[in-house]
């Protein structure tokens, strides 16, 4: 680990884990209701930077195709 390699003392290094505990920030049901999404609907999405390497154009095409086949998908 970095701490062992550089022989740093414990208080000088802390680990920041990937991800966010969304339970702390989500108000149950308010966002889908505000977007007129029915309760129990399947919601898909992505979080990404806008870079060509991410191929968001493909993601949008797939999302549109899914919506045509399965109208309950949002």
N, C-alpha and C. Protein backbone atom coordinates (compact mmCIF):
# COMPACT_ATOMS: atom_id res chain seq x y z
N UNK A 1 0.84 -1.19 0.00
CA UNK A 1 0.00 0.00 0.00
C UNK A 1 0.88 1.25 0.00
N UNK A 2 0.29 2.37 -0.32
CA UNK A 2 1.03 3.64 -0.33
C UNK A 2 1.57 3.94 1.05
N UNK A 3 0.76 3.66 2.06
CA UNK A 3 1.18 3.94 3.43
C UNK A 3 2.44 3.16 3.78
N UNK A 4 2.49 1.89 3.44
CA UNK A 4 3.67 1.08 3.75
C UNK A 4 4.86 1.49 2.89
N UNK A 5 4.63 1.77 1.61
CA UNK A 5 5.71 2.12 0.69
C UNK A 5 6.42 3.40 1.13
N UNK A 6 5.67 4.41 1.50
CA UNK A 6 6.26 5.69 1.89
C UNK A 6 6.45 5.83 3.39
N UNK A 7 6.12 4.79 4.12
CA UNK A 7 6.25 4.78 5.58
C UNK A 7 5.58 6.00 6.22
N UNK A 8 4.39 6.29 5.74
CA UNK A 8 3.64 7.42 6.27
C UNK A 8 2.92 7.01 7.55
N UNK A 9 2.77 7.97 8.43
CA UNK A 9 2.02 7.71 9.66
C UNK A 9 0.53 7.68 9.34
N UNK A 10 -0.19 6.91 10.09
CA UNK A 10 -1.62 6.68 9.85
C UNK A 10 -2.44 7.96 9.67
N UNK A 11 -2.33 8.98 10.51
CA UNK A 11 -3.20 10.15 10.36
C UNK A 11 -2.98 10.94 9.06
N UNK A 12 -1.84 10.74 8.39
CA UNK A 12 -1.56 11.53 7.19
C UNK A 12 -2.22 10.96 5.93
N UNK A 13 -2.65 9.73 5.99
CA UNK A 13 -3.26 9.11 4.82
C UNK A 13 -4.64 8.61 5.17
N UNK A 14 -5.60 8.90 4.29
CA UNK A 14 -6.94 8.35 4.48
C UNK A 14 -7.42 7.80 3.14
N UNK A 15 -8.29 6.85 3.19
CA UNK A 15 -8.83 6.22 1.98
C UNK A 15 -10.18 6.83 1.68
N UNK A 16 -10.37 7.23 0.43
CA UNK A 16 -11.66 7.71 -0.03
C UNK A 16 -12.20 6.64 -0.96
N UNK A 17 -13.24 5.96 -0.53
CA UNK A 17 -13.80 4.85 -1.29
C UNK A 17 -14.57 5.36 -2.50
N UNK A 18 -14.59 4.55 -3.56
CA UNK A 18 -15.39 4.86 -4.74
C UNK A 18 -16.86 4.77 -4.39
N UNK A 19 -17.63 5.59 -5.02
CA UNK A 19 -19.07 5.50 -4.86
C UNK A 19 -19.61 6.40 -3.77
N UNK A 20 -20.90 6.49 -3.72
CA UNK A 20 -21.61 7.33 -2.76
C UNK A 20 -22.74 6.50 -2.18
N UNK A 21 -22.92 6.60 -0.88
CA UNK A 21 -24.06 5.94 -0.25
C UNK A 21 -25.31 6.76 -0.60
N UNK A 22 -26.01 6.35 -1.64
CA UNK A 22 -27.15 7.12 -2.11
C UNK A 22 -28.32 7.13 -1.15
N UNK A 23 -28.34 6.19 -0.21
CA UNK A 23 -29.43 6.17 0.78
C UNK A 23 -29.44 7.45 1.60
N UNK A 24 -28.29 8.07 1.78
CA UNK A 24 -28.21 9.30 2.57
C UNK A 24 -28.79 10.50 1.84
N UNK A 25 -28.86 10.42 0.51
CA UNK A 25 -29.24 11.59 -0.28
C UNK A 25 -30.54 11.43 -1.05
N UNK A 26 -31.17 10.28 -0.98
CA UNK A 26 -32.36 10.02 -1.78
C UNK A 26 -33.62 10.16 -0.94
N UNK A 27 -34.53 10.95 -1.42
CA UNK A 27 -35.86 11.00 -0.82
C UNK A 27 -36.71 10.02 -1.60
N UNK A 28 -37.12 8.98 -0.95
CA UNK A 28 -37.83 7.88 -1.60
C UNK A 28 -39.06 8.38 -2.37
N UNK A 29 -39.08 8.06 -3.66
CA UNK A 29 -40.26 8.31 -4.46
C UNK A 29 -40.43 9.69 -5.03
N UNK A 30 -39.70 10.68 -4.57
CA UNK A 30 -39.96 12.04 -5.03
C UNK A 30 -39.47 12.29 -6.44
N UNK A 31 -38.31 11.77 -6.80
CA UNK A 31 -37.77 12.03 -8.14
C UNK A 31 -38.62 11.36 -9.21
N UNK A 32 -38.91 10.06 -9.12
CA UNK A 32 -39.77 9.46 -10.15
C UNK A 32 -41.13 10.15 -10.25
N UNK A 33 -41.71 10.51 -9.15
CA UNK A 33 -43.02 11.17 -9.17
C UNK A 33 -42.92 12.52 -9.88
N UNK A 34 -41.86 13.27 -9.62
CA UNK A 34 -41.66 14.57 -10.28
C UNK A 34 -41.47 14.42 -11.78
N UNK A 35 -40.95 13.27 -12.22
CA UNK A 35 -40.72 13.02 -13.64
C UNK A 35 -41.87 12.24 -14.28
N UNK A 36 -42.96 12.05 -13.54
CA UNK A 36 -44.15 11.32 -14.01
C UNK A 36 -43.83 9.88 -14.41
N UNK A 37 -42.95 9.24 -13.65
CA UNK A 37 -42.61 7.83 -13.85
C UNK A 37 -43.47 7.02 -12.90
N UNK A 38 -44.22 6.04 -13.41
CA UNK A 38 -45.10 5.26 -12.55
C UNK A 38 -44.34 4.47 -11.49
N UNK A 39 -44.99 4.27 -10.36
CA UNK A 39 -44.39 3.46 -9.29
C UNK A 39 -44.15 2.05 -9.82
N UNK A 40 -43.02 1.49 -9.50
CA UNK A 40 -42.68 0.14 -9.92
C UNK A 40 -42.09 0.04 -11.31
N UNK A 41 -41.97 1.16 -12.03
CA UNK A 41 -41.38 1.12 -13.37
C UNK A 41 -39.89 0.81 -13.27
N UNK A 42 -39.37 0.20 -14.31
CA UNK A 42 -37.95 -0.09 -14.39
C UNK A 42 -37.24 1.15 -14.94
N UNK A 43 -36.35 1.72 -14.15
CA UNK A 43 -35.62 2.92 -14.55
C UNK A 43 -34.17 2.54 -14.79
N UNK A 44 -33.67 2.88 -15.98
CA UNK A 44 -32.27 2.64 -16.28
C UNK A 44 -31.58 3.98 -16.51
N UNK A 45 -30.30 4.01 -16.31
CA UNK A 45 -29.57 5.26 -16.50
C UNK A 45 -28.08 5.03 -16.47
N UNK A 46 -27.35 6.10 -16.62
CA UNK A 46 -25.90 6.04 -16.57
C UNK A 46 -25.38 7.34 -16.00
N UNK A 47 -24.21 7.27 -15.43
CA UNK A 47 -23.48 8.44 -14.98
C UNK A 47 -22.15 8.39 -15.68
N UNK A 48 -21.81 9.43 -16.40
CA UNK A 48 -20.60 9.39 -17.20
C UNK A 48 -20.13 10.80 -17.52
N UNK A 49 -18.89 10.89 -17.96
CA UNK A 49 -18.39 12.14 -18.52
C UNK A 49 -18.70 12.12 -20.01
N UNK A 50 -18.84 13.28 -20.61
CA UNK A 50 -19.13 13.37 -22.04
C UNK A 50 -17.82 13.27 -22.83
N UNK A 51 -17.42 12.05 -23.11
CA UNK A 51 -16.23 11.80 -23.92
C UNK A 51 -16.58 10.79 -25.00
N UNK A 52 -15.97 10.93 -26.15
CA UNK A 52 -16.25 10.04 -27.27
C UNK A 52 -15.99 8.59 -26.91
N UNK A 53 -14.99 8.34 -26.05
CA UNK A 53 -14.64 6.97 -25.66
C UNK A 53 -15.77 6.28 -24.90
N UNK A 54 -16.64 7.03 -24.28
CA UNK A 54 -17.73 6.44 -23.49
C UNK A 54 -18.86 5.93 -24.37
N UNK A 55 -18.88 6.32 -25.64
CA UNK A 55 -19.88 5.83 -26.60
C UNK A 55 -21.31 6.06 -26.12
N UNK A 56 -21.56 7.26 -25.64
CA UNK A 56 -22.91 7.57 -25.15
C UNK A 56 -23.94 7.53 -26.28
N UNK A 57 -23.49 7.71 -27.52
CA UNK A 57 -24.41 7.59 -28.65
C UNK A 57 -24.98 6.17 -28.73
N UNK A 58 -24.15 5.18 -28.46
CA UNK A 58 -24.61 3.79 -28.46
C UNK A 58 -25.57 3.57 -27.30
N UNK A 59 -25.24 4.12 -26.14
CA UNK A 59 -26.09 3.97 -24.97
C UNK A 59 -27.48 4.55 -25.25
N UNK A 60 -27.52 5.73 -25.86
CA UNK A 60 -28.81 6.35 -26.17
C UNK A 60 -29.60 5.53 -27.18
N UNK A 61 -28.92 4.95 -28.16
CA UNK A 61 -29.60 4.09 -29.14
C UNK A 61 -30.20 2.86 -28.48
N UNK A 62 -29.45 2.25 -27.59
CA UNK A 62 -29.95 1.07 -26.87
C UNK A 62 -31.12 1.45 -25.98
N UNK A 63 -31.02 2.57 -25.29
CA UNK A 63 -32.11 3.01 -24.42
C UNK A 63 -33.38 3.27 -25.23
N UNK A 64 -33.24 3.89 -26.40
CA UNK A 64 -34.40 4.15 -27.25
C UNK A 64 -35.02 2.85 -27.75
N UNK A 65 -34.18 1.89 -28.13
CA UNK A 65 -34.68 0.59 -28.60
C UNK A 65 -35.41 -0.15 -27.48
N UNK A 66 -34.85 -0.11 -26.28
CA UNK A 66 -35.51 -0.75 -25.13
C UNK A 66 -36.87 -0.13 -24.86
N UNK A 67 -36.95 1.16 -24.97
CA UNK A 67 -38.21 1.87 -24.71
C UNK A 67 -39.28 1.46 -25.71
N UNK A 68 -38.90 1.24 -26.96
CA UNK A 68 -39.88 0.81 -27.97
C UNK A 68 -40.39 -0.60 -27.71
N UNK A 69 -39.50 -1.47 -27.24
CA UNK A 69 -39.87 -2.86 -26.99
C UNK A 69 -40.61 -3.01 -25.67
N UNK A 70 -40.17 -2.27 -24.66
CA UNK A 70 -40.72 -2.37 -23.30
C UNK A 70 -41.15 -0.98 -22.84
N UNK A 71 -42.41 -0.60 -23.05
CA UNK A 71 -42.86 0.74 -22.69
C UNK A 71 -42.80 1.05 -21.19
N UNK A 72 -42.65 0.01 -20.35
CA UNK A 72 -42.58 0.25 -18.90
C UNK A 72 -41.16 0.62 -18.45
N UNK A 73 -40.22 0.66 -19.40
CA UNK A 73 -38.83 1.03 -19.08
C UNK A 73 -38.69 2.54 -19.26
N UNK A 74 -38.08 3.17 -18.28
CA UNK A 74 -37.85 4.62 -18.33
C UNK A 74 -36.38 4.91 -18.17
